[in-house]
Amino acid sequence: MLLARNITTLFLAVRFPALLSLPAAAYEAVQVTEGGTINGKVVYQGEVATRKIVPTKDPETCGGIREEPLIVVGPGKGVQGAVVYLKDVQKGKGLAKPPKSPEINNLNCQFDPHVQAAPVGSIVVVNSDPVMHNTHGFLGKQTVFNQAMPTKGMRIEKPIRKAGMMRIECDVHGWMLGWVFAAEHPYHAVTGKDGAFSIPDVPPGSYTLVAWQEAADVTEVPVTVKSKEATQQTIELKNVTEQNLELKKK
């Protein structure tokens, strides 16, 4: 059986090499006139755990030892700063160019904003602190950019060529952490203080809706969008732990 399988694979590789190396289908931008909307809320019912932050240098800018929540929960158990997006979308509305380039700011030895979504293209790295930072962006284990920022007021634009959840760290201040969801389509949102989100102009059909938060389990739910109708979806996050956060940093 194994020999037959190997012979078949070899035959396909010789006669039809493209069949064994087909690239993933690229997102196709089309006009959407009958789209629907996904409105919803991301919630968390559990206990809010914390992680200990121990600054090791530049205390006058970075502050002292403190506990910070692993998840920010607001009114009605709504989760702030969760990224919600449609998974494996093949086509839909084009991704509009933002009026200004997205920015990630080193401010008080934290990344501001802590979580954001940005289209594939570029992002501006800013240093608003009077201390040196080295802003390092990762996509998985791969470096996206690695930029020394020795001077307050520095602004440097860096390219983002691949979609996915980027992790942002500082090689000088090891506790600093931020996230940028680099998007190839417009069907995503970052939740506000009340946990609410809205994703408009979705082509009718059935999709998988994903909710991501740095310390929680990634949650996927099915959603059906109907023409010119609004669909309501509540997503509950679970298992918010420091271990989950550490796993997402790898």
Foldseek 3Di string as FASTA:
>chain_A
DVVVVVVVVVVCCVPPVCVVVPDDQAEAADDFDFWEKEKEFEFEDDDWAWDWAAWDDDCVLQPHIDTDTLWQAAPPRTTAFKKKFFPPHRYFHADDADPDAAEWECGSNETVPQEEEGEQFKYKYAYQDQAKWWKWKDAVPHTQDTGIDGHHGDIDMGGGHDFAKIWIATPVTGVYIGIYGHDRHQGMDGAHNNRIDMGISHHFDKTWMWIDGLQWDIDIDIDTIGTHYYHYDYHYTDGRDVVSNVVVVD
